[in-house]
N, C-alpha and C. Protein backbone atom coordinates (compact mmCIF):
# COMPACT_ATOMS: atom_id res chain seq x y z
N MET A 1 -1.43 -93.16 -55.16
CA MET A 1 -2.03 -93.06 -53.83
C MET A 1 -0.96 -92.76 -52.79
N LEU A 2 0.22 -93.35 -52.94
CA LEU A 2 1.30 -93.09 -52.00
C LEU A 2 1.73 -91.62 -52.05
N LEU A 3 1.77 -91.07 -53.26
CA LEU A 3 2.13 -89.66 -53.40
C LEU A 3 1.09 -88.76 -52.75
N LEU A 4 -0.18 -89.11 -52.91
CA LEU A 4 -1.24 -88.32 -52.27
C LEU A 4 -1.13 -88.39 -50.75
N ARG A 5 -0.86 -89.58 -50.22
CA ARG A 5 -0.68 -89.71 -48.76
C ARG A 5 0.53 -88.92 -48.29
N TRP A 6 1.58 -88.94 -49.09
CA TRP A 6 2.78 -88.19 -48.74
C TRP A 6 2.49 -86.69 -48.70
N LEU A 7 1.76 -86.19 -49.73
CA LEU A 7 1.40 -84.78 -49.76
C LEU A 7 0.54 -84.40 -48.56
N GLU A 8 -0.39 -85.26 -48.20
CA GLU A 8 -1.25 -85.01 -47.03
C GLU A 8 -0.41 -84.98 -45.76
N GLY A 9 0.56 -85.88 -45.68
CA GLY A 9 1.46 -85.90 -44.52
C GLY A 9 2.28 -84.61 -44.42
N ILE A 10 2.71 -84.10 -45.56
CA ILE A 10 3.46 -82.84 -45.58
C ILE A 10 2.57 -81.71 -45.08
N GLU A 11 1.32 -81.67 -45.52
CA GLU A 11 0.38 -80.63 -45.07
C GLU A 11 0.17 -80.70 -43.56
N GLN A 12 -0.03 -81.91 -43.05
CA GLN A 12 -0.24 -82.07 -41.61
C GLN A 12 1.00 -81.67 -40.83
N ALA A 13 2.17 -82.05 -41.34
CA ALA A 13 3.42 -81.71 -40.66
C ALA A 13 3.64 -80.20 -40.64
N LEU A 14 3.31 -79.54 -41.75
CA LEU A 14 3.45 -78.08 -41.81
C LEU A 14 2.52 -77.41 -40.81
N ALA A 15 1.27 -77.86 -40.75
CA ALA A 15 0.31 -77.28 -39.80
C ALA A 15 0.78 -77.51 -38.36
N ARG A 16 1.31 -78.70 -38.08
CA ARG A 16 1.80 -79.01 -36.74
C ARG A 16 3.00 -78.13 -36.38
N ARG A 17 3.91 -77.93 -37.34
CA ARG A 17 5.07 -77.07 -37.10
C ARG A 17 4.66 -75.63 -36.84
N LEU A 18 3.71 -75.13 -37.62
CA LEU A 18 3.23 -73.77 -37.42
C LEU A 18 2.56 -73.63 -36.05
N ARG A 19 1.80 -74.65 -35.66
CA ARG A 19 1.16 -74.63 -34.34
C ARG A 19 2.20 -74.63 -33.23
N ASN A 20 3.22 -75.49 -33.36
CA ASN A 20 4.27 -75.55 -32.35
C ASN A 20 5.08 -74.26 -32.29
N LEU A 21 5.34 -73.68 -33.45
CA LEU A 21 6.04 -72.39 -33.48
C LEU A 21 5.20 -71.31 -32.82
N SER A 22 3.90 -71.32 -33.09
CA SER A 22 2.99 -70.35 -32.46
C SER A 22 3.03 -70.50 -30.94
N HIS A 23 2.98 -71.72 -30.46
CA HIS A 23 3.01 -71.96 -29.02
C HIS A 23 4.34 -71.47 -28.43
N GLY A 24 5.44 -71.78 -29.11
CA GLY A 24 6.75 -71.33 -28.63
C GLY A 24 6.85 -69.81 -28.58
N LEU A 25 6.31 -69.15 -29.59
CA LEU A 25 6.31 -67.68 -29.59
C LEU A 25 5.43 -67.13 -28.47
N ASN A 26 4.31 -67.77 -28.24
CA ASN A 26 3.43 -67.33 -27.15
C ASN A 26 4.09 -67.51 -25.79
N VAL A 27 4.85 -68.58 -25.62
CA VAL A 27 5.59 -68.79 -24.37
C VAL A 27 6.60 -67.65 -24.17
N GLU A 28 7.30 -67.29 -25.25
CA GLU A 28 8.27 -66.19 -25.16
C GLU A 28 7.59 -64.87 -24.86
N LEU A 29 6.44 -64.61 -25.48
CA LEU A 29 5.70 -63.37 -25.20
C LEU A 29 5.26 -63.32 -23.75
N LEU A 30 4.84 -64.45 -23.20
CA LEU A 30 4.45 -64.51 -21.79
C LEU A 30 5.67 -64.27 -20.89
N ARG A 31 6.78 -64.89 -21.24
CA ARG A 31 8.00 -64.73 -20.46
C ARG A 31 8.48 -63.28 -20.46
N LEU A 32 8.32 -62.58 -21.58
CA LEU A 32 8.73 -61.19 -21.68
C LEU A 32 7.70 -60.22 -21.09
N GLY A 33 6.54 -60.74 -20.71
CA GLY A 33 5.51 -59.90 -20.12
C GLY A 33 4.64 -59.17 -21.12
N VAL A 34 4.71 -59.57 -22.39
CA VAL A 34 3.91 -58.92 -23.43
C VAL A 34 2.45 -59.36 -23.34
N CYS A 35 2.22 -60.61 -22.97
CA CYS A 35 0.85 -61.09 -22.80
C CYS A 35 0.67 -61.63 -21.39
N ARG A 36 -0.59 -61.77 -20.99
CA ARG A 36 -0.91 -62.15 -19.61
C ARG A 36 -1.23 -63.62 -19.42
N ALA A 37 -1.58 -64.30 -20.48
CA ALA A 37 -1.99 -65.70 -20.34
C ALA A 37 -1.44 -66.52 -21.50
N LEU A 38 -1.26 -67.79 -21.26
CA LEU A 38 -0.78 -68.70 -22.27
C LEU A 38 -1.89 -69.69 -22.61
N LEU A 39 -2.23 -69.75 -23.88
CA LEU A 39 -3.25 -70.71 -24.31
C LEU A 39 -2.60 -72.07 -24.53
N PRO A 40 -3.20 -73.14 -24.04
CA PRO A 40 -2.61 -74.47 -24.22
C PRO A 40 -2.66 -74.91 -25.69
N VAL A 41 -1.78 -75.82 -26.02
CA VAL A 41 -1.70 -76.33 -27.40
C VAL A 41 -3.02 -76.97 -27.82
N SER A 42 -3.68 -77.64 -26.90
CA SER A 42 -4.96 -78.28 -27.24
C SER A 42 -6.00 -77.25 -27.67
N LEU A 43 -5.95 -76.06 -27.07
CA LEU A 43 -6.87 -74.99 -27.46
C LEU A 43 -6.51 -74.47 -28.86
N LEU A 44 -5.22 -74.36 -29.14
CA LEU A 44 -4.80 -73.96 -30.48
C LEU A 44 -5.26 -74.98 -31.52
N ASP A 45 -5.17 -76.26 -31.17
CA ASP A 45 -5.65 -77.32 -32.07
C ASP A 45 -7.15 -77.19 -32.32
N ALA A 46 -7.90 -76.91 -31.27
CA ALA A 46 -9.36 -76.76 -31.41
C ALA A 46 -9.68 -75.58 -32.31
N VAL A 47 -8.93 -74.51 -32.20
CA VAL A 47 -9.14 -73.34 -33.07
C VAL A 47 -8.85 -73.73 -34.52
N LEU A 48 -7.74 -74.42 -34.74
CA LEU A 48 -7.36 -74.83 -36.10
C LEU A 48 -8.38 -75.77 -36.72
N GLN A 49 -9.05 -76.57 -35.90
CA GLN A 49 -10.06 -77.50 -36.40
C GLN A 49 -11.43 -76.84 -36.53
N GLY A 50 -11.53 -75.56 -36.16
CA GLY A 50 -12.78 -74.84 -36.30
C GLY A 50 -13.81 -75.17 -35.23
N GLN A 51 -13.38 -75.67 -34.09
CA GLN A 51 -14.30 -76.06 -33.03
C GLN A 51 -14.62 -74.91 -32.08
N ILE A 52 -13.95 -73.78 -32.23
CA ILE A 52 -14.14 -72.66 -31.30
C ILE A 52 -14.43 -71.40 -32.11
N ASP A 53 -15.42 -70.64 -31.65
CA ASP A 53 -15.74 -69.36 -32.28
C ASP A 53 -14.75 -68.31 -31.79
N LEU A 54 -14.27 -67.50 -32.73
CA LEU A 54 -13.27 -66.49 -32.43
C LEU A 54 -13.82 -65.10 -32.68
N LEU A 55 -13.14 -64.12 -32.09
CA LEU A 55 -13.44 -62.72 -32.38
C LEU A 55 -12.59 -62.29 -33.57
N ALA A 56 -13.03 -61.25 -34.27
CA ALA A 56 -12.27 -60.77 -35.43
C ALA A 56 -10.88 -60.32 -34.98
N ALA A 57 -9.89 -60.66 -35.80
CA ALA A 57 -8.51 -60.30 -35.48
C ALA A 57 -7.70 -60.26 -36.76
N PRO A 58 -6.58 -59.53 -36.74
CA PRO A 58 -5.70 -59.53 -37.92
C PRO A 58 -5.11 -60.91 -38.18
N ALA A 59 -4.49 -61.06 -39.33
CA ALA A 59 -3.88 -62.34 -39.72
C ALA A 59 -2.87 -62.79 -38.67
N ASN A 60 -2.87 -64.06 -38.40
CA ASN A 60 -1.94 -64.72 -37.47
C ASN A 60 -2.10 -64.27 -36.02
N LEU A 61 -3.20 -63.63 -35.71
CA LEU A 61 -3.49 -63.25 -34.33
C LEU A 61 -4.81 -63.88 -33.93
N LEU A 62 -4.86 -64.37 -32.74
CA LEU A 62 -6.03 -65.08 -32.23
C LEU A 62 -6.64 -64.26 -31.09
N ARG A 63 -7.91 -63.96 -31.21
CA ARG A 63 -8.66 -63.30 -30.12
C ARG A 63 -9.78 -64.23 -29.72
N LEU A 64 -9.72 -64.65 -28.48
CA LEU A 64 -10.65 -65.66 -27.98
C LEU A 64 -11.40 -65.11 -26.78
N PRO A 65 -12.76 -65.06 -26.84
CA PRO A 65 -13.52 -64.61 -25.68
C PRO A 65 -13.44 -65.65 -24.56
N LEU A 66 -13.21 -65.19 -23.36
CA LEU A 66 -13.12 -66.08 -22.20
C LEU A 66 -14.40 -66.00 -21.37
N PRO A 67 -14.85 -67.11 -20.82
CA PRO A 67 -16.09 -67.12 -20.03
C PRO A 67 -15.89 -66.57 -18.61
N PHE A 68 -14.67 -66.25 -18.26
CA PHE A 68 -14.38 -65.76 -16.91
C PHE A 68 -13.46 -64.54 -17.02
N PRO A 69 -13.53 -63.61 -16.07
CA PRO A 69 -12.65 -62.43 -16.13
C PRO A 69 -11.22 -62.79 -15.76
N LEU A 70 -10.27 -62.12 -16.43
CA LEU A 70 -8.85 -62.34 -16.13
C LEU A 70 -8.37 -61.47 -14.97
N SER A 71 -9.04 -60.38 -14.72
CA SER A 71 -8.62 -59.48 -13.65
C SER A 71 -9.86 -58.92 -12.96
N ASP A 72 -9.71 -57.80 -12.26
CA ASP A 72 -10.84 -57.17 -11.56
C ASP A 72 -11.79 -56.46 -12.52
N ASN A 73 -11.46 -56.43 -13.76
CA ASN A 73 -12.29 -55.79 -14.77
C ASN A 73 -13.57 -56.60 -14.96
N PRO A 74 -14.76 -55.99 -14.71
CA PRO A 74 -16.01 -56.74 -14.81
C PRO A 74 -16.45 -57.02 -16.25
N GLY A 75 -15.84 -56.38 -17.22
CA GLY A 75 -16.22 -56.56 -18.63
C GLY A 75 -15.76 -57.91 -19.15
N PRO A 76 -16.15 -58.23 -20.38
CA PRO A 76 -15.77 -59.51 -20.96
C PRO A 76 -14.24 -59.58 -21.15
N SER A 77 -13.69 -60.72 -20.87
CA SER A 77 -12.26 -60.91 -21.02
C SER A 77 -11.96 -61.56 -22.38
N VAL A 78 -10.83 -61.17 -22.93
CA VAL A 78 -10.40 -61.69 -24.21
C VAL A 78 -8.96 -62.14 -24.09
N ALA A 79 -8.68 -63.36 -24.52
CA ALA A 79 -7.30 -63.85 -24.56
C ALA A 79 -6.78 -63.63 -25.97
N MET A 80 -5.54 -63.17 -26.05
CA MET A 80 -4.92 -62.94 -27.36
C MET A 80 -3.65 -63.77 -27.44
N ALA A 81 -3.40 -64.29 -28.62
CA ALA A 81 -2.21 -65.10 -28.83
C ALA A 81 -1.87 -65.10 -30.31
N LEU A 82 -0.65 -65.47 -30.59
CA LEU A 82 -0.25 -65.67 -31.98
C LEU A 82 -0.69 -67.06 -32.42
N LEU A 83 -1.18 -67.15 -33.62
CA LEU A 83 -1.51 -68.44 -34.20
C LEU A 83 -1.18 -68.38 -35.68
N LEU A 84 -0.05 -68.94 -36.03
CA LEU A 84 0.38 -68.95 -37.43
C LEU A 84 -0.39 -70.03 -38.17
N ARG A 85 -1.03 -69.60 -39.25
CA ARG A 85 -1.81 -70.53 -40.08
C ARG A 85 -1.36 -70.38 -41.52
N GLY A 86 -1.34 -71.48 -42.22
CA GLY A 86 -0.93 -71.46 -43.62
C GLY A 86 -1.75 -70.50 -44.46
N THR A 87 -3.05 -70.48 -44.24
CA THR A 87 -3.92 -69.60 -45.05
C THR A 87 -3.60 -68.12 -44.78
N ASP A 88 -3.34 -67.78 -43.52
CA ASP A 88 -3.00 -66.39 -43.20
C ASP A 88 -1.67 -66.00 -43.84
N LEU A 89 -0.71 -66.92 -43.80
CA LEU A 89 0.59 -66.64 -44.41
C LEU A 89 0.46 -66.47 -45.92
N GLU A 90 -0.40 -67.27 -46.53
CA GLU A 90 -0.63 -67.16 -47.97
C GLU A 90 -1.27 -65.83 -48.33
N MET A 91 -2.18 -65.35 -47.50
CA MET A 91 -2.84 -64.08 -47.78
C MET A 91 -1.85 -62.91 -47.69
N GLU A 92 -0.86 -63.04 -46.83
CA GLU A 92 0.12 -61.98 -46.65
C GLU A 92 1.25 -62.03 -47.66
N ALA A 93 1.48 -63.18 -48.27
CA ALA A 93 2.60 -63.35 -49.21
C ALA A 93 2.09 -63.88 -50.54
N PRO A 94 1.90 -63.01 -51.52
CA PRO A 94 1.37 -63.46 -52.82
C PRO A 94 2.22 -64.54 -53.49
N ARG A 95 3.53 -64.47 -53.33
CA ARG A 95 4.40 -65.48 -53.93
C ARG A 95 4.13 -66.86 -53.34
N LEU A 96 3.97 -66.90 -52.04
CA LEU A 96 3.64 -68.16 -51.37
C LEU A 96 2.28 -68.67 -51.84
N ARG A 97 1.33 -67.76 -51.98
CA ARG A 97 -0.01 -68.14 -52.44
C ARG A 97 0.07 -68.76 -53.83
N THR A 98 0.90 -68.19 -54.71
CA THR A 98 1.06 -68.71 -56.06
C THR A 98 1.66 -70.11 -56.03
N CYS A 99 2.69 -70.29 -55.22
CA CYS A 99 3.33 -71.61 -55.10
C CYS A 99 2.36 -72.64 -54.56
N ARG A 100 1.61 -72.28 -53.53
CA ARG A 100 0.64 -73.21 -52.94
C ARG A 100 -0.47 -73.55 -53.94
N HIS A 101 -0.87 -72.57 -54.74
CA HIS A 101 -1.90 -72.82 -55.75
C HIS A 101 -1.38 -73.82 -56.79
N ARG A 102 -0.14 -73.66 -57.22
CA ARG A 102 0.43 -74.61 -58.18
C ARG A 102 0.55 -76.00 -57.56
N LEU A 103 0.93 -76.05 -56.30
CA LEU A 103 1.02 -77.33 -55.61
C LEU A 103 -0.35 -78.01 -55.55
N GLN A 104 -1.40 -77.24 -55.28
CA GLN A 104 -2.76 -77.80 -55.25
C GLN A 104 -3.19 -78.28 -56.64
N GLN A 105 -2.78 -77.56 -57.67
CA GLN A 105 -3.09 -78.01 -59.04
C GLN A 105 -2.43 -79.35 -59.32
N HIS A 106 -1.16 -79.47 -58.94
CA HIS A 106 -0.45 -80.75 -59.14
C HIS A 106 -1.10 -81.86 -58.33
N ARG A 107 -1.54 -81.53 -57.13
CA ARG A 107 -2.22 -82.52 -56.28
C ARG A 107 -3.50 -83.01 -56.96
N GLN A 108 -4.24 -82.10 -57.57
CA GLN A 108 -5.47 -82.47 -58.28
C GLN A 108 -5.15 -83.37 -59.47
N GLU A 109 -4.06 -83.08 -60.17
CA GLU A 109 -3.66 -83.92 -61.30
C GLU A 109 -3.31 -85.33 -60.81
N VAL A 110 -2.58 -85.41 -59.72
CA VAL A 110 -2.21 -86.71 -59.16
C VAL A 110 -3.46 -87.46 -58.72
N LEU A 111 -4.41 -86.76 -58.12
CA LEU A 111 -5.66 -87.38 -57.70
C LEU A 111 -6.41 -87.96 -58.90
N LYS A 112 -6.47 -87.22 -59.99
CA LYS A 112 -7.13 -87.71 -61.21
C LYS A 112 -6.42 -88.95 -61.75
N LEU A 113 -5.09 -88.90 -61.74
CA LEU A 113 -4.32 -90.06 -62.22
C LEU A 113 -4.57 -91.27 -61.33
N ALA A 114 -4.65 -91.08 -60.03
CA ALA A 114 -4.91 -92.19 -59.10
C ALA A 114 -6.30 -92.77 -59.35
N GLN A 115 -7.28 -91.91 -59.58
CA GLN A 115 -8.63 -92.40 -59.86
C GLN A 115 -8.67 -93.18 -61.17
N GLN A 116 -7.97 -92.67 -62.18
CA GLN A 116 -7.91 -93.36 -63.47
C GLN A 116 -7.21 -94.71 -63.30
N HIS A 117 -6.16 -94.74 -62.52
CA HIS A 117 -5.43 -95.99 -62.26
C HIS A 117 -6.34 -97.02 -61.60
N ARG A 118 -7.13 -96.58 -60.60
CA ARG A 118 -8.06 -97.51 -59.93
C ARG A 118 -9.09 -98.05 -60.91
N ARG A 119 -9.62 -97.18 -61.78
CA ARG A 119 -10.60 -97.63 -62.78
C ARG A 119 -9.99 -98.68 -63.71
N LEU A 120 -8.78 -98.40 -64.18
CA LEU A 120 -8.11 -99.35 -65.08
C LEU A 120 -7.79 -100.66 -64.37
N GLN A 121 -7.41 -100.59 -63.11
CA GLN A 121 -7.14 -101.80 -62.33
C GLN A 121 -8.40 -102.65 -62.19
N ARG A 122 -9.53 -102.01 -61.92
CA ARG A 122 -10.80 -102.75 -61.80
C ARG A 122 -11.15 -103.41 -63.14
N ARG A 123 -10.96 -102.68 -64.24
CA ARG A 123 -11.24 -103.24 -65.56
C ARG A 123 -10.35 -104.44 -65.83
N LEU A 124 -9.09 -104.30 -65.51
CA LEU A 124 -8.14 -105.38 -65.72
C LEU A 124 -8.51 -106.60 -64.89
N GLN A 125 -8.92 -106.39 -63.66
CA GLN A 125 -9.34 -107.50 -62.80
C GLN A 125 -10.59 -108.18 -63.35
N ALA A 126 -11.53 -107.38 -63.86
CA ALA A 126 -12.76 -107.95 -64.43
C ALA A 126 -12.43 -108.78 -65.67
N ARG A 127 -11.54 -108.27 -66.52
CA ARG A 127 -11.18 -109.04 -67.73
C ARG A 127 -10.43 -110.32 -67.37
N GLU A 128 -9.57 -110.24 -66.37
CA GLU A 128 -8.83 -111.44 -65.95
C GLU A 128 -9.79 -112.48 -65.38
N ALA A 129 -10.77 -112.04 -64.60
CA ALA A 129 -11.76 -112.96 -64.05
C ALA A 129 -12.58 -113.59 -65.17
N GLU A 130 -12.95 -112.79 -66.16
CA GLU A 130 -13.72 -113.31 -67.30
C GLU A 130 -12.88 -114.32 -68.09
N ARG A 131 -11.61 -114.02 -68.31
CA ARG A 131 -10.72 -114.94 -69.03
C ARG A 131 -10.60 -116.27 -68.30
N LEU A 132 -10.42 -116.21 -66.98
CA LEU A 132 -10.31 -117.44 -66.19
C LEU A 132 -11.62 -118.22 -66.20
N TRP A 133 -12.73 -117.53 -66.16
CA TRP A 133 -14.03 -118.19 -66.20
C TRP A 133 -14.23 -118.91 -67.52
N LEU A 134 -13.91 -118.22 -68.63
CA LEU A 134 -14.05 -118.84 -69.95
C LEU A 134 -13.09 -120.02 -70.09
N GLN A 135 -11.89 -119.87 -69.58
CA GLN A 135 -10.91 -120.95 -69.63
C GLN A 135 -11.41 -122.16 -68.85
N ASP A 136 -12.01 -121.94 -67.71
CA ASP A 136 -12.56 -123.01 -66.89
C ASP A 136 -13.74 -123.67 -67.59
N LEU A 137 -14.57 -122.84 -68.26
CA LEU A 137 -15.71 -123.37 -69.00
C LEU A 137 -15.25 -124.33 -70.10
N HIS A 138 -14.25 -123.91 -70.85
CA HIS A 138 -13.76 -124.74 -71.96
C HIS A 138 -13.11 -126.02 -71.45
N ARG A 139 -12.45 -125.94 -70.32
CA ARG A 139 -11.77 -127.11 -69.77
C ARG A 139 -12.80 -128.13 -69.24
N ASN A 140 -13.89 -127.68 -68.68
CA ASN A 140 -14.88 -128.57 -68.08
C ASN A 140 -16.03 -128.94 -69.04
N ARG A 141 -15.94 -128.52 -70.27
CA ARG A 141 -17.00 -128.83 -71.23
C ARG A 141 -16.94 -130.31 -71.58
N PRO A 142 -18.08 -131.00 -71.54
CA PRO A 142 -18.07 -132.44 -71.89
C PRO A 142 -17.81 -132.60 -73.39
N VAL A 143 -17.08 -133.62 -73.71
CA VAL A 143 -16.75 -133.91 -75.12
C VAL A 143 -17.91 -134.69 -75.73
N LEU A 144 -18.45 -134.21 -76.83
CA LEU A 144 -19.56 -134.87 -77.51
C LEU A 144 -19.00 -135.87 -78.53
N GLU A 145 -19.51 -137.10 -78.52
CA GLU A 145 -19.06 -138.14 -79.46
C GLU A 145 -20.08 -138.44 -80.49
């Protein structure tokens, strides 16, 4: 179970690092004048959690429809930003995809071992309780004369 929690922590840390890197790159793009708006980190988090509908875009690029115009243009406004995601990186790099697939296989094996361990622990506890109960029964049995 500790190994599974550790693996989950690694996944969360990787996603957080990619999000922070994306935000840093977007800040630089804004500073260089390549983009017009900066999306807040909380909005990037909402996108990563699937809480916001997006427009179609290439890998690692985010296109977000805005409810208000950014300029004098009366048409719909769209905010664009970089958003590095593990799945997009895996799609672009077959070697990375292979490594991640193997890691997921190992994670599944560890999960099965943890489940088996819990089952065996429950069995062991049940047998120990039964042994103690029988021991108590024999100790408290009245002696027949």
